Amino acid sequence: MGLTSKKEEQIKSMPRIETRVEKLPGKNLLLHRTIISDIKPIAYYNAVIENSE
């Protein structure tokens, strides 16, 4: 059972979340890094800036 085209579009518009966990060399520390990538068209940001003024 596949995804509907509406659901596929919804998933594509969601931010991409990446997590990385690594031990720092020579130290007794664990680094947990989270990266959130969200792609928006420039027109979106222009509209946000214009409405804030």
PDB file of N, CA and C in Angstrom:
ATOM      1  N   MET A   1       0.848  -1.177   0.000  1.00  0.00           N
ATOM      2  CA  MET A   1       0.000   0.000   0.000  1.00  0.00           C
ATOM      3  C   MET A   1       0.894   1.241   0.000  1.00  0.00           C
ATOM      4  N   GLY A   2       0.807   2.072  -1.036  1.00  0.00           N
ATOM      5  CA  GLY A   2       1.631   3.258  -1.152  1.00  0.00           C
ATOM      6  C   GLY A   2       0.960   4.489  -0.565  1.00  0.00           C
ATOM      7  N   LEU A   3       1.717   5.565  -0.558  1.00  0.00           N
ATOM      8  CA  LEU A   3       1.195   6.830  -0.057  1.00  0.00           C
ATOM      9  C   LEU A   3       0.396   7.540  -1.136  1.00  0.00           C
ATOM     10  N   THR A   4      -0.595   8.295  -0.724  1.00  0.00           N
ATOM     11  CA  THR A   4      -1.345   9.100  -1.681  1.00  0.00           C
ATOM     12  C   THR A   4      -0.480  10.285  -2.089  1.00  0.00           C
ATOM     13  N   SER A   5      -0.789  10.894  -3.217  1.00  0.00           N
ATOM     14  CA  SER A   5       0.005  12.034  -3.677  1.00  0.00           C
ATOM     15  C   SER A   5      -0.111  13.204  -2.705  1.00  0.00           C
ATOM     16  N   LYS A   6      -1.263  13.353  -2.059  1.00  0.00           N
ATOM     17  CA  LYS A   6      -1.439  14.426  -1.078  1.00  0.00           C
ATOM     18  C   LYS A   6      -0.502  14.214   0.111  1.00  0.00           C
ATOM     19  N   LYS A   7      -0.396  12.982   0.582  1.00  0.00           N
ATOM     20  CA  LYS A   7       0.480  12.664   1.710  1.00  0.00           C
ATOM     21  C   LYS A   7       1.940  12.838   1.322  1.00  0.00           C
ATOM     22  N   GLU A   8       2.309  12.463   0.092  1.00  0.00           N
ATOM     23  CA  GLU A   8       3.680  12.648  -0.378  1.00  0.00           C
ATOM     24  C   GLU A   8       4.049  14.122  -0.390  1.00  0.00           C
ATOM     25  N   GLU A   9       3.153  14.985  -0.861  1.00  0.00           N
ATOM     26  CA  GLU A   9       3.409  16.428  -0.876  1.00  0.00           C
ATOM     27  C   GLU A   9       3.545  16.964   0.541  1.00  0.00           C
ATOM     28  N   GLN A  10       2.736  16.456   1.453  1.00  0.00           N
ATOM     29  CA  GLN A  10       2.801  16.885   2.844  1.00  0.00           C
ATOM     30  C   GLN A  10       4.153  16.511   3.450  1.00  0.00           C
ATOM     31  N   ILE A  11       4.624  15.325   3.169  1.00  0.00           N
ATOM     32  CA  ILE A  11       5.912  14.878   3.696  1.00  0.00           C
ATOM     33  C   ILE A  11       7.050  15.701   3.101  1.00  0.00           C
ATOM     34  N   LYS A  12       6.984  16.024   1.814  1.00  0.00           N
ATOM     35  CA  LYS A  12       8.026  16.824   1.169  1.00  0.00           C
ATOM     36  C   LYS A  12       8.110  18.224   1.757  1.00  0.00           C
ATOM     37  N   SER A  13       6.982  18.778   2.221  1.00  0.00           N
ATOM     38  CA  SER A  13       6.982  20.141   2.749  1.00  0.00           C
ATOM     39  C   SER A  13       7.420  20.208   4.214  1.00  0.00           C
ATOM     40  N   MET A  14       7.577  19.061   4.855  1.00  0.00           N
ATOM     41  CA  MET A  14       7.993  19.040   6.259  1.00  0.00           C
ATOM     42  C   MET A  14       9.493  19.288   6.366  1.00  0.00           C
ATOM     43  N   PRO A  15       9.940  19.893   7.478  1.00  0.00           N
ATOM     44  CA  PRO A  15      11.381  20.077   7.665  1.00  0.00           C
ATOM     45  C   PRO A  15      12.090  18.731   7.799  1.00  0.00           C
ATOM     46  N   ARG A  16      13.309  18.686   7.343  1.00  0.00           N
ATOM     47  CA  ARG A  16      14.119  17.472   7.463  1.00  0.00           C
ATOM     48  C   ARG A  16      14.917  17.575   8.767  1.00  0.00           C
ATOM     49  N   ILE A  17      14.837  16.561   9.602  1.00  0.00           N
ATOM     50  CA  ILE A  17      15.523  16.557  10.895  1.00  0.00           C
ATOM     51  C   ILE A  17      16.591  15.472  10.881  1.00  0.00           C
ATOM     52  N   GLU A  18      17.823  15.885  11.193  1.00  0.00           N
ATOM     53  CA  GLU A  18      18.944  14.951  11.251  1.00  0.00           C
ATOM     54  C   GLU A  18      19.527  14.996  12.660  1.00  0.00           C
ATOM     55  N   THR A  19      19.860  13.855  13.217  1.00  0.00           N
ATOM     56  CA  THR A  19      20.531  13.814  14.511  1.00  0.00           C
ATOM     57  C   THR A  19      21.813  13.010  14.378  1.00  0.00           C
ATOM     58  N   ARG A  20      22.818  13.464  15.092  1.00  0.00           N
ATOM     59  CA  ARG A  20      24.111  12.779  15.105  1.00  0.00           C
ATOM     60  C   ARG A  20      24.575  12.669  16.551  1.00  0.00           C
ATOM     61  N   VAL A  21      25.065  11.519  16.917  1.00  0.00           N
ATOM     62  CA  VAL A  21      25.623  11.297  18.250  1.00  0.00           C
ATOM     63  C   VAL A  21      27.036  10.767  18.060  1.00  0.00           C
ATOM     64  N   GLU A  22      28.003  11.414  18.729  1.00  0.00           N
ATOM     65  CA  GLU A  22      29.387  10.963  18.616  1.00  0.00           C
ATOM     66  C   GLU A  22      30.130  11.207  19.927  1.00  0.00           C
ATOM     67  N   LYS A  23      31.121  10.383  20.177  1.00  0.00           N
ATOM     68  CA  LYS A  23      31.969  10.558  21.352  1.00  0.00           C
ATOM     69  C   LYS A  23      33.138  11.439  20.949  1.00  0.00           C
ATOM     70  N   LEU A  24      33.408  12.448  21.786  1.00  0.00           N
ATOM     71  CA  LEU A  24      34.520  13.337  21.490  1.00  0.00           C
ATOM     72  C   LEU A  24      35.835  12.610  21.767  1.00  0.00           C
ATOM     73  N   PRO A  25      36.763  12.658  20.808  1.00  0.00           N
ATOM     74  CA  PRO A  25      38.021  11.923  20.990  1.00  0.00           C
ATOM     75  C   PRO A  25      38.854  12.516  22.132  1.00  0.00           C
ATOM     76  N   GLY A  26      39.382  11.641  22.975  1.00  0.00           N
ATOM     77  CA  GLY A  26      40.247  12.076  24.068  1.00  0.00           C
ATOM     78  C   GLY A  26      39.500  12.640  25.265  1.00  0.00           C
ATOM     79  N   LYS A  27      38.176  12.673  25.217  1.00  0.00           N
ATOM     80  CA  LYS A  27      37.392  13.220  26.327  1.00  0.00           C
ATOM     81  C   LYS A  27      36.283  12.234  26.673  1.00  0.00           C
ATOM     82  N   ASN A  28      35.775  12.356  27.865  1.00  0.00           N
ATOM     83  CA  ASN A  28      34.696  11.482  28.309  1.00  0.00           C
ATOM     84  C   ASN A  28      33.364  12.207  28.097  1.00  0.00           C
ATOM     85  N   LEU A  29      33.135  12.694  26.870  1.00  0.00           N
ATOM     86  CA  LEU A  29      31.937  13.467  26.549  1.00  0.00           C
ATOM     87  C   LEU A  29      31.247  12.896  25.317  1.00  0.00           C
ATOM     88  N   LEU A  30      29.939  13.040  25.292  1.00  0.00           N
ATOM     89  CA  LEU A  30      29.129  12.606  24.160  1.00  0.00           C
ATOM     90  C   LEU A  30      28.496  13.849  23.542  1.00  0.00           C
ATOM     91  N   LEU A  31      28.609  14.011  22.244  1.00  0.00           N
ATOM     92  CA  LEU A  31      28.040  15.157  21.538  1.00  0.00           C
ATOM     93  C   LEU A  31      26.801  14.697  20.778  1.00  0.00           C
ATOM     94  N   HIS A  32      25.662  15.326  21.075  1.00  0.00           N
ATOM     95  CA  HIS A  32      24.407  15.020  20.377  1.00  0.00           C
ATOM     96  C   HIS A  32      24.024  16.275  19.605  1.00  0.00           C
ATOM     97  N   ARG A  33      24.059  16.188  18.292  1.00  0.00           N
ATOM     98  CA  ARG A  33      23.816  17.330  17.414  1.00  0.00           C
ATOM     99  C   ARG A  33      22.518  17.094  16.650  1.00  0.00           C
ATOM    100  N   THR A  34      21.644  18.118  16.622  1.00  0.00           N
ATOM    101  CA  THR A  34      20.391  18.044  15.874  1.00  0.00           C
ATOM    102  C   THR A  34      20.380  19.159  14.842  1.00  0.00           C
ATOM    103  N   ILE A  35      20.106  18.813  13.586  1.00  0.00           N
ATOM    104  CA  ILE A  35      20.059  19.783  12.493  1.00  0.00           C
ATOM    105  C   ILE A  35      18.661  19.746  11.890  1.00  0.00           C
ATOM    106  N   ILE A  36      18.008  20.917  11.842  1.00  0.00           N
ATOM    107  CA  ILE A  36      16.681  21.022  11.234  1.00  0.00           C
ATOM    108  C   ILE A  36      16.829  21.846   9.960  1.00  0.00           C
ATOM    109  N   SER A  37      16.523  21.251   8.820  1.00  0.00           N
ATOM    110  CA  SER A  37      16.610  21.929   7.525  1.00  0.00           C
ATOM    111  C   SER A  37      15.206  22.157   6.998  1.00  0.00           C
ATOM    112  N   ASP A  38      14.871  23.427   6.771  1.00  0.00           N
ATOM    113  CA  ASP A  38      13.546  23.777   6.278  1.00  0.00           C
ATOM    114  C   ASP A  38      13.729  24.662   5.050  1.00  0.00           C
ATOM    115  N   ILE A  39      13.178  24.270   3.928  1.00  0.00           N
ATOM    116  CA  ILE A  39      13.342  25.006   2.676  1.00  0.00           C
ATOM    117  C   ILE A  39      12.050  25.745   2.367  1.00  0.00           C
ATOM    118  N   LYS A  40      12.171  27.054   2.207  1.00  0.00           N
ATOM    119  CA  LYS A  40      11.024  27.894   1.864  1.00  0.00           C
ATOM    120  C   LYS A  40      11.406  28.759   0.663  1.00  0.00           C
ATOM    121  N   PRO A  41      10.439  29.107  -0.186  1.00  0.00           N
ATOM    122  CA  PRO A  41      10.741  29.997  -1.303  1.00  0.00           C
ATOM    123  C   PRO A  41      11.035  31.413  -0.801  1.00  0.00           C
ATOM    124  N   ILE A  42      11.832  32.139  -1.547  1.00  0.00           N
ATOM    125  CA  ILE A  42      12.200  33.500  -1.169  1.00  0.00           C
ATOM    126  C   ILE A  42      10.964  34.385  -1.050  1.00  0.00           C
ATOM    127  N   ALA A  43       9.965  34.158  -1.859  1.00  0.00           N
ATOM    128  CA  ALA A  43       8.733  34.952  -1.791  1.00  0.00           C
ATOM    129  C   ALA A  43       8.090  34.848  -0.412  1.00  0.00           C
ATOM    130  N   TYR A  44       8.200  33.694   0.225  1.00  0.00           N
ATOM    131  CA  TYR A  44       7.647  33.512   1.571  1.00  0.00           C
ATOM    132  C   TYR A  44       8.323  34.473   2.543  1.00  0.00           C
ATOM    133  N   TYR A  45       9.651  34.534   2.525  1.00  0.00           N
ATOM    134  CA  TYR A  45      10.378  35.410   3.441  1.00  0.00           C
ATOM    135  C   TYR A  45      10.139  36.876   3.117  1.00  0.00           C
ATOM    136  N   ASN A  46      10.033  37.212   1.838  1.00  0.00           N
ATOM    137  CA  ASN A  46       9.724  38.596   1.474  1.00  0.00           C
ATOM    138  C   ASN A  46       8.369  39.008   2.034  1.00  0.00           C
ATOM    139  N   ALA A  47       7.382  38.138   1.973  1.00  0.00           N
ATOM    140  CA  ALA A  47       6.054  38.439   2.513  1.00  0.00           C
ATOM    141  C   ALA A  47       6.111  38.598   4.030  1.00  0.00           C
ATOM    142  N   VAL A  48       6.893  37.772   4.706  1.00  0.00           N
ATOM    143  CA  VAL A  48       7.026  37.881   6.163  1.00  0.00           C
ATOM    144  C   VAL A  48       7.656  39.214   6.535  1.00  0.00           C
ATOM    145  N   ILE A  49       8.698  39.611   5.821  1.00  0.00           N
ATOM    146  CA  ILE A  49       9.378  40.877   6.104  1.00  0.00           C
ATOM    147  C   ILE A  49       8.452  42.056   5.841  1.00  0.00           C
ATOM    148  N   GLU A  50       7.719  42.041   4.740  1.00  0.00           N
ATOM    149  CA  GLU A  50       6.811  43.139   4.416  1.00  0.00           C
ATOM    150  C   GLU A  50       5.696  43.275   5.450  1.00  0.00           C
ATOM    151  N   ASN A  51       5.191  42.163   5.958  1.00  0.00           N
ATOM    152  CA  ASN A  51       4.100  42.213   6.935  1.00  0.00           C
ATOM    153  C   ASN A  51       4.573  42.602   8.325  1.00  0.00           C
ATOM    154  N   SER A  52       5.866  42.526   8.599  1.00  0.00           N
ATOM    155  CA  SER A  52       6.366  42.870   9.928  1.00  0.00           C
ATOM    156  C   SER A  52       6.589  44.371  10.084  1.00  0.00           C
ATOM    157  N   GLU A  53       6.615  45.095   9.006  1.00  0.00           N
ATOM    158  CA  GLU A  53       6.879  46.544   9.065  1.00  0.00           C
ATOM    159  C   GLU A  53       5.639  47.347   9.296  1.00  0.00           C
TER     160      GLU A  53
END
